[in-house]
Amino acid sequence: MAQTMEPVAKKIFKGVLVAELLGVFGAYFLFNKMNTSQDFRQTMSKKFPFILEVYYKSTEKSRMYGVREQDQEKWLNSKN
C-alpha cells in the first residue's frame, strides 16, 4: 500500500510546488507593475481596490511614503 501511494504523493507535491512558484512569480509581476505604473495603479483602484490597498501598505511598511498621496493628487487633478 505504501508503494502505491508514493507516486501519488510525489505528484501532489510537484503540483503544490508548481502552484507556489506560480503564485510567487505572479505576486512579483503584479507588485512590479504597480510599482512602475501609476496608470496601472489607477486601473487597479477601479477593479481591485483591496489589492491596491495591500500595495500601499507594503510600500509604507518599507518606508516609501507618499505614493498613495501622489496617486490621489494626480487622479483628482485629472478629473478637473
PDB file of N, CA and C in Angstrom:
ATOM      1  N   MET A   1       0.822  -1.191   0.000  1.00  0.00           N
ATOM      2  CA  MET A   1       0.000   0.000   0.000  1.00  0.00           C
ATOM      3  C   MET A   1       0.867   1.256   0.000  1.00  0.00           C
ATOM      4  N   ALA A   2       1.967   1.247   0.749  1.00  0.00           N
ATOM      5  CA  ALA A   2       2.842   2.416   0.838  1.00  0.00           C
ATOM      6  C   ALA A   2       3.505   2.690  -0.504  1.00  0.00           C
ATOM      7  N   GLN A   3       3.835   1.649  -1.249  1.00  0.00           N
ATOM      8  CA  GLN A   3       4.484   1.858  -2.537  1.00  0.00           C
ATOM      9  C   GLN A   3       3.528   2.450  -3.561  1.00  0.00           C
ATOM     10  N   THR A   4       2.260   2.113  -3.485  1.00  0.00           N
ATOM     11  CA  THR A   4       1.322   2.660  -4.453  1.00  0.00           C
ATOM     12  C   THR A   4       0.979   4.112  -4.144  1.00  0.00           C
ATOM     13  N   MET A   5       1.095   4.531  -2.910  1.00  0.00           N
ATOM     14  CA  MET A   5       0.802   5.911  -2.540  1.00  0.00           C
ATOM     15  C   MET A   5       1.965   6.849  -2.850  1.00  0.00           C
ATOM     16  N   GLU A   6       3.177   6.310  -2.946  1.00  0.00           N
ATOM     17  CA  GLU A   6       4.355   7.153  -3.158  1.00  0.00           C
ATOM     18  C   GLU A   6       4.284   7.958  -4.457  1.00  0.00           C
ATOM     19  N   PRO A   7       3.942   7.377  -5.603  1.00  0.00           N
ATOM     20  CA  PRO A   7       3.848   8.190  -6.825  1.00  0.00           C
ATOM     21  C   PRO A   7       2.750   9.263  -6.737  1.00  0.00           C
ATOM     22  N   VAL A   8       1.660   8.957  -6.060  1.00  0.00           N
ATOM     23  CA  VAL A   8       0.589   9.932  -5.887  1.00  0.00           C
ATOM     24  C   VAL A   8       1.084  11.088  -5.027  1.00  0.00           C
ATOM     25  N   ALA A   9       1.801  10.783  -3.972  1.00  0.00           N
ATOM     26  CA  ALA A   9       2.335  11.825  -3.092  1.00  0.00           C
ATOM     27  C   ALA A   9       3.328  12.714  -3.844  1.00  0.00           C
ATOM     28  N   LYS A  10       4.138  12.125  -4.698  1.00  0.00           N
ATOM     29  CA  LYS A  10       5.095  12.919  -5.480  1.00  0.00           C
ATOM     30  C   LYS A  10       4.368  13.849  -6.443  1.00  0.00           C
ATOM     31  N   LYS A  11       3.306  13.351  -7.061  1.00  0.00           N
ATOM     32  CA  LYS A  11       2.537  14.193  -7.982  1.00  0.00           C
ATOM     33  C   LYS A  11       1.876  15.343  -7.240  1.00  0.00           C
ATOM     34  N   ILE A  12       1.339  15.056  -6.083  1.00  0.00           N
ATOM     35  CA  ILE A  12       0.711  16.109  -5.283  1.00  0.00           C
ATOM     36  C   ILE A  12       1.750  17.139  -4.869  1.00  0.00           C
ATOM     37  N   PHE A  13       2.916  16.678  -4.427  1.00  0.00           N
ATOM     38  CA  PHE A  13       3.989  17.590  -4.024  1.00  0.00           C
ATOM     39  C   PHE A  13       4.421  18.468  -5.194  1.00  0.00           C
ATOM     40  N   LYS A  14       4.593  17.874  -6.370  1.00  0.00           N
ATOM     41  CA  LYS A  14       5.001  18.650  -7.542  1.00  0.00           C
ATOM     42  C   LYS A  14       3.922  19.674  -7.911  1.00  0.00           C
ATOM     43  N   GLY A  15       2.665  19.283  -7.810  1.00  0.00           N
ATOM     44  CA  GLY A  15       1.575  20.217  -8.112  1.00  0.00           C
ATOM     45  C   GLY A  15       1.549  21.388  -7.154  1.00  0.00           C
ATOM     46  N   VAL A  16       1.742  21.096  -5.873  1.00  0.00           N
ATOM     47  CA  VAL A  16       1.776  22.164  -4.868  1.00  0.00           C
ATOM     48  C   VAL A  16       2.974  23.071  -5.106  1.00  0.00           C
ATOM     49  N   LEU A  17       4.105  22.497  -5.438  1.00  0.00           N
ATOM     50  CA  LEU A  17       5.315  23.283  -5.699  1.00  0.00           C
ATOM     51  C   LEU A  17       5.122  24.197  -6.910  1.00  0.00           C
ATOM     52  N   VAL A  18       4.540  23.674  -7.974  1.00  0.00           N
ATOM     53  CA  VAL A  18       4.288  24.496  -9.164  1.00  0.00           C
ATOM     54  C   VAL A  18       3.306  25.616  -8.833  1.00  0.00           C
ATOM     55  N   ALA A  19       2.259  25.298  -8.083  1.00  0.00           N
ATOM     56  CA  ALA A  19       1.283  26.322  -7.703  1.00  0.00           C
ATOM     57  C   ALA A  19       1.941  27.422  -6.863  1.00  0.00           C
ATOM     58  N   GLU A  20       2.809  27.043  -5.950  1.00  0.00           N
ATOM     59  CA  GLU A  20       3.521  28.030  -5.114  1.00  0.00           C
ATOM     60  C   GLU A  20       4.416  28.925  -5.975  1.00  0.00           C
ATOM     61  N   LEU A  21       5.151  28.317  -6.909  1.00  0.00           N
ATOM     62  CA  LEU A  21       6.030  29.111  -7.768  1.00  0.00           C
ATOM     63  C   LEU A  21       5.238  30.066  -8.645  1.00  0.00           C
ATOM     64  N   LEU A  22       4.126  29.609  -9.194  1.00  0.00           N
ATOM     65  CA  LEU A  22       3.279  30.494  -9.993  1.00  0.00           C
ATOM     66  C   LEU A  22       2.742  31.645  -9.147  1.00  0.00           C
ATOM     67  N   GLY A  23       2.389  31.356  -7.917  1.00  0.00           N
ATOM     68  CA  GLY A  23       1.908  32.398  -7.020  1.00  0.00           C
ATOM     69  C   GLY A  23       2.974  33.432  -6.711  1.00  0.00           C
ATOM     70  N   VAL A  24       4.188  32.979  -6.458  1.00  0.00           N
ATOM     71  CA  VAL A  24       5.285  33.902  -6.150  1.00  0.00           C
ATOM     72  C   VAL A  24       5.612  34.775  -7.358  1.00  0.00           C
ATOM     73  N   PHE A  25       5.729  34.160  -8.528  1.00  0.00           N
ATOM     74  CA  PHE A  25       6.041  34.950  -9.725  1.00  0.00           C
ATOM     75  C   PHE A  25       4.892  35.877 -10.095  1.00  0.00           C
ATOM     76  N   GLY A  26       3.662  35.438  -9.905  1.00  0.00           N
ATOM     77  CA  GLY A  26       2.509  36.292 -10.168  1.00  0.00           C
ATOM     78  C   GLY A  26       2.480  37.493  -9.241  1.00  0.00           C
ATOM     79  N   ALA A  27       2.756  37.264  -7.963  1.00  0.00           N
ATOM     80  CA  ALA A  27       2.777  38.363  -6.996  1.00  0.00           C
ATOM     81  C   ALA A  27       3.904  39.347  -7.326  1.00  0.00           C
ATOM     82  N   TYR A  28       5.060  38.826  -7.718  1.00  0.00           N
ATOM     83  CA  TYR A  28       6.182  39.696  -8.089  1.00  0.00           C
ATOM     84  C   TYR A  28       5.816  40.540  -9.306  1.00  0.00           C
ATOM     85  N   PHE A  29       5.221  39.901 -10.330  1.00  0.00           N
ATOM     86  CA  PHE A  29       4.847  40.626 -11.535  1.00  0.00           C
ATOM     87  C   PHE A  29       3.837  41.726 -11.214  1.00  0.00           C
ATOM     88  N   LEU A  30       2.839  41.396 -10.414  1.00  0.00           N
ATOM     89  CA  LEU A  30       1.809  42.368 -10.051  1.00  0.00           C
ATOM     90  C   LEU A  30       2.403  43.535  -9.262  1.00  0.00           C
ATOM     91  N   PHE A  31       3.262  43.233  -8.273  1.00  0.00           N
ATOM     92  CA  PHE A  31       3.882  44.290  -7.487  1.00  0.00           C
ATOM     93  C   PHE A  31       4.759  45.173  -8.369  1.00  0.00           C
ATOM     94  N   ASN A  32       5.542  44.552  -9.236  1.00  0.00           N
ATOM     95  CA  ASN A  32       6.433  45.319 -10.104  1.00  0.00           C
ATOM     96  C   ASN A  32       5.638  46.220 -11.042  1.00  0.00           C
ATOM     97  N   LYS A  33       4.554  45.709 -11.589  1.00  0.00           N
ATOM     98  CA  LYS A  33       3.715  46.504 -12.487  1.00  0.00           C
ATOM     99  C   LYS A  33       3.097  47.686 -11.735  1.00  0.00           C
ATOM    100  N   MET A  34       2.615  47.445 -10.522  1.00  0.00           N
ATOM    101  CA  MET A  34       2.032  48.535  -9.738  1.00  0.00           C
ATOM    102  C   MET A  34       3.102  49.526  -9.293  1.00  0.00           C
ATOM    103  N   ASN A  35       4.294  49.042  -9.045  1.00  0.00           N
ATOM    104  CA  ASN A  35       5.365  49.902  -8.566  1.00  0.00           C
ATOM    105  C   ASN A  35       5.907  50.820  -9.663  1.00  0.00           C
ATOM    106  N   THR A  36       5.725  50.442 -10.921  1.00  0.00           N
ATOM    107  CA  THR A  36       6.300  51.219 -12.016  1.00  0.00           C
ATOM    108  C   THR A  36       5.270  51.993 -12.835  1.00  0.00           C
ATOM    109  N   SER A  37       3.982  51.730 -12.639  1.00  0.00           N
ATOM    110  CA  SER A  37       2.976  52.370 -13.483  1.00  0.00           C
ATOM    111  C   SER A  37       1.838  52.949 -12.647  1.00  0.00           C
ATOM    112  N   GLN A  38       1.770  54.267 -12.644  1.00  0.00           N
ATOM    113  CA  GLN A  38       0.684  54.932 -11.922  1.00  0.00           C
ATOM    114  C   GLN A  38      -0.654  54.687 -12.615  1.00  0.00           C
ATOM    115  N   ASP A  39      -0.640  54.574 -13.931  1.00  0.00           N
ATOM    116  CA  ASP A  39      -1.875  54.289 -14.667  1.00  0.00           C
ATOM    117  C   ASP A  39      -2.410  52.896 -14.309  1.00  0.00           C
ATOM    118  N   PHE A  40      -1.507  51.938 -14.150  1.00  0.00           N
ATOM    119  CA  PHE A  40      -1.939  50.591 -13.755  1.00  0.00           C
ATOM    120  C   PHE A  40      -2.527  50.619 -12.343  1.00  0.00           C
ATOM    121  N   ARG A  41      -1.933  51.418 -11.467  1.00  0.00           N
ATOM    122  CA  ARG A  41      -2.494  51.552 -10.114  1.00  0.00           C
ATOM    123  C   ARG A  41      -3.902  52.142 -10.169  1.00  0.00           C
ATOM    124  N   GLN A  42      -4.133  53.064 -11.089  1.00  0.00           N
ATOM    125  CA  GLN A  42      -5.466  53.646 -11.225  1.00  0.00           C
ATOM    126  C   GLN A  42      -6.456  52.586 -11.704  1.00  0.00           C
ATOM    127  N   THR A  43      -6.041  51.757 -12.632  1.00  0.00           N
ATOM    128  CA  THR A  43      -6.889  50.657 -13.086  1.00  0.00           C
ATOM    129  C   THR A  43      -7.184  49.703 -11.937  1.00  0.00           C
ATOM    130  N   MET A  44      -6.161  49.409 -11.147  1.00  0.00           N
ATOM    131  CA  MET A  44      -6.348  48.518 -10.002  1.00  0.00           C
ATOM    132  C   MET A  44      -7.288  49.140  -8.971  1.00  0.00           C
ATOM    133  N   SER A  45      -7.243  50.469  -8.824  1.00  0.00           N
ATOM    134  CA  SER A  45      -8.126  51.116  -7.845  1.00  0.00           C
ATOM    135  C   SER A  45      -9.590  50.995  -8.249  1.00  0.00           C
ATOM    136  N   LYS A  46      -9.847  50.894  -9.540  1.00  0.00           N
ATOM    137  CA  LYS A  46     -11.224  50.751 -10.010  1.00  0.00           C
ATOM    138  C   LYS A  46     -11.694  49.300  -9.959  1.00  0.00           C
ATOM    139  N   LYS A  47     -10.812  48.375 -10.302  1.00  0.00           N
ATOM    140  CA  LYS A  47     -11.214  46.970 -10.410  1.00  0.00           C
ATOM    141  C   LYS A  47     -10.976  46.169  -9.129  1.00  0.00           C
ATOM    142  N   PHE A  48      -9.821  46.374  -8.502  1.00  0.00           N
ATOM    143  CA  PHE A  48      -9.435  45.601  -7.317  1.00  0.00           C
ATOM    144  C   PHE A  48      -8.853  46.518  -6.244  1.00  0.00           C
ATOM    145  N   PRO A  49      -9.679  47.343  -5.613  1.00  0.00           N
ATOM    146  CA  PRO A  49      -9.146  48.306  -4.637  1.00  0.00           C
ATOM    147  C   PRO A  49      -8.475  47.646  -3.437  1.00  0.00           C
ATOM    148  N   PHE A  50      -8.897  46.448  -3.067  1.00  0.00           N
ATOM    149  CA  PHE A  50      -8.278  45.783  -1.921  1.00  0.00           C
ATOM    150  C   PHE A  50      -6.837  45.379  -2.231  1.00  0.00           C
ATOM    151  N   ILE A  51      -6.536  45.036  -3.476  1.00  0.00           N
ATOM    152  CA  ILE A  51      -5.154  44.694  -3.846  1.00  0.00           C
ATOM    153  C   ILE A  51      -4.296  45.947  -3.822  1.00  0.00           C
ATOM    154  N   LEU A  52      -4.843  47.054  -4.298  1.00  0.00           N
ATOM    155  CA  LEU A  52      -4.100  48.316  -4.265  1.00  0.00           C
ATOM    156  C   LEU A  52      -3.818  48.735  -2.834  1.00  0.00           C
ATOM    157  N   GLU A  53      -4.762  48.495  -1.936  1.00  0.00           N
ATOM    158  CA  GLU A  53      -4.555  48.827  -0.519  1.00  0.00           C
ATOM    159  C   GLU A  53      -3.394  48.010   0.059  1.00  0.00           C
ATOM    160  N   VAL A  54      -3.293  46.744  -0.318  1.00  0.00           N
ATOM    161  CA  VAL A  54      -2.167  45.910   0.125  1.00  0.00           C
ATOM    162  C   VAL A  54      -0.859  46.479  -0.412  1.00  0.00           C
ATOM    163  N   TYR A  55      -0.861  46.928  -1.666  1.00  0.00           N
ATOM    164  CA  TYR A  55       0.332  47.542  -2.253  1.00  0.00           C
ATOM    165  C   TYR A  55       0.750  48.784  -1.463  1.00  0.00           C
ATOM    166  N   TYR A  56      -0.226  49.668  -1.183  1.00  0.00           N
ATOM    167  CA  TYR A  56       0.091  50.881  -0.436  1.00  0.00           C
ATOM    168  C   TYR A  56       0.648  50.549   0.948  1.00  0.00           C
ATOM    169  N   LYS A  57       0.040  49.603   1.621  1.00  0.00           N
ATOM    170  CA  LYS A  57       0.516  49.238   2.959  1.00  0.00           C
ATOM    171  C   LYS A  57       1.914  48.635   2.907  1.00  0.00           C
ATOM    172  N   SER A  58       2.204  47.842   1.881  1.00  0.00           N
ATOM    173  CA  SER A  58       3.540  47.240   1.789  1.00  0.00           C
ATOM    174  C   SER A  58       4.601  48.301   1.489  1.00  0.00           C
ATOM    175  N   THR A  59       4.250  49.303   0.671  1.00  0.00           N
ATOM    176  CA  THR A  59       5.233  50.361   0.417  1.00  0.00           C
ATOM    177  C   THR A  59       5.444  51.213   1.661  1.00  0.00           C
ATOM    178  N   GLU A  60       4.381  51.444   2.422  1.00  0.00           N
ATOM    179  CA  GLU A  60       4.534  52.210   3.658  1.00  0.00           C
ATOM    180  C   GLU A  60       5.352  51.442   4.688  1.00  0.00           C
ATOM    181  N   LYS A  61       5.185  50.113   4.736  1.00  0.00           N
ATOM    182  CA  LYS A  61       5.998  49.297   5.653  1.00  0.00           C
ATOM    183  C   LYS A  61       7.479  49.357   5.284  1.00  0.00           C
ATOM    184  N   SER A  62       7.752  49.500   3.980  1.00  0.00           N
ATOM    185  CA  SER A  62       9.150  49.579   3.551  1.00  0.00           C
ATOM    186  C   SER A  62       9.656  51.019   3.522  1.00  0.00           C
ATOM    187  N   ARG A  63       8.901  51.908   4.184  1.00  0.00           N
ATOM    188  CA  ARG A  63       9.272  53.311   4.368  1.00  0.00           C
ATOM    189  C   ARG A  63       9.338  54.105   3.061  1.00  0.00           C
ATOM    190  N   MET A  64       8.496  53.736   2.115  1.00  0.00           N
ATOM    191  CA  MET A  64       8.347  54.512   0.881  1.00  0.00           C
ATOM    192  C   MET A  64       7.032  55.272   1.013  1.00  0.00           C
ATOM    193  N   TYR A  65       7.079  56.440   1.601  1.00  0.00           N
ATOM    194  CA  TYR A  65       5.877  57.202   1.885  1.00  0.00           C
ATOM    195  C   TYR A  65       5.532  58.126   0.721  1.00  0.00           C
ATOM    196  N   GLY A  66       4.256  58.450   0.608  1.00  0.00           N
ATOM    197  CA  GLY A  66       3.816  59.437  -0.364  1.00  0.00           C
ATOM    198  C   GLY A  66       3.258  58.882  -1.658  1.00  0.00           C
ATOM    199  N   VAL A  67       3.336  57.595  -1.888  1.00  0.00           N
ATOM    200  CA  VAL A  67       2.843  57.018  -3.141  1.00  0.00           C
ATOM    201  C   VAL A  67       1.332  57.186  -3.229  1.00  0.00           C
ATOM    202  N   ARG A  68       0.641  56.855  -2.160  1.00  0.00           N
ATOM    203  CA  ARG A  68      -0.823  56.988  -2.136  1.00  0.00           C
ATOM    204  C   ARG A  68      -1.232  58.437  -2.381  1.00  0.00           C
ATOM    205  N   GLU A  69      -0.561  59.362  -1.724  1.00  0.00           N
ATOM    206  CA  GLU A  69      -0.903  60.774  -1.848  1.00  0.00           C
ATOM    207  C   GLU A  69      -0.648  61.290  -3.262  1.00  0.00           C
ATOM    208  N   GLN A  70       0.470  60.866  -3.862  1.00  0.00           N
ATOM    209  CA  GLN A  70       0.773  61.274  -5.238  1.00  0.00           C
ATOM    210  C   GLN A  70      -0.286  60.755  -6.201  1.00  0.00           C
ATOM    211  N   ASP A  71      -0.690  59.512  -6.007  1.00  0.00           N
ATOM    212  CA  ASP A  71      -1.726  58.936  -6.865  1.00  0.00           C
ATOM    213  C   ASP A  71      -3.033  59.701  -6.728  1.00  0.00           C
ATOM    214  N   GLN A  72      -3.451  59.933  -5.489  1.00  0.00           N
ATOM    215  CA  GLN A  72      -4.721  60.626  -5.267  1.00  0.00           C
ATOM    216  C   GLN A  72      -4.701  62.034  -5.840  1.00  0.00           C
ATOM    217  N   GLU A  73      -3.572  62.705  -5.701  1.00  0.00           N
ATOM    218  CA  GLU A  73      -3.459  64.059  -6.236  1.00  0.00           C
ATOM    219  C   GLU A  73      -3.556  64.059  -7.758  1.00  0.00           C
ATOM    220  N   LYS A  74      -2.846  63.143  -8.403  1.00  0.00           N
ATOM    221  CA  LYS A  74      -2.875  63.084  -9.869  1.00  0.00           C
ATOM    222  C   LYS A  74      -4.269  62.722 -10.364  1.00  0.00           C
ATOM    223  N   TRP A  75      -4.912  61.747  -9.732  1.00  0.00           N
ATOM    224  CA  TRP A  75      -6.235  61.311 -10.174  1.00  0.00           C
ATOM    225  C   TRP A  75      -7.279  62.402  -9.949  1.00  0.00           C
ATOM    226  N   LEU A  76      -7.123  63.154  -8.874  1.00  0.00           N
ATOM    227  CA  LEU A  76      -8.045  64.256  -8.607  1.00  0.00           C
ATOM    228  C   LEU A  76      -7.864  65.351  -9.645  1.00  0.00           C
ATOM    229  N   ASN A  77      -6.602  65.678  -9.965  1.00  0.00           N
ATOM    230  CA  ASN A  77      -6.317  66.716 -10.955  1.00  0.00           C
ATOM    231  C   ASN A  77      -6.752  66.298 -12.355  1.00  0.00           C
ATOM    232  N   SER A  78      -6.686  65.014 -12.659  1.00  0.00           N
ATOM    233  CA  SER A  78      -7.074  64.561 -13.991  1.00  0.00           C
ATOM    234  C   SER A  78      -8.584  64.603 -14.188  1.00  0.00           C
ATOM    235  N   LYS A  79      -9.352  64.581 -13.104  1.00  0.00           N
ATOM    236  CA  LYS A  79     -10.805  64.681 -13.203  1.00  0.00           C
ATOM    237  C   LYS A  79     -11.225  66.114 -13.501  1.00  0.00           C
ATOM    238  N   ASN A  80     -10.412  67.089 -13.043  1.00  0.00           N
ATOM    239  CA  ASN A  80     -10.753  68.511 -13.227  1.00  0.00           C
ATOM    240  C   ASN A  80     -10.342  69.025 -14.569  1.00  0.00           C
TER     241      ASN A  80
END
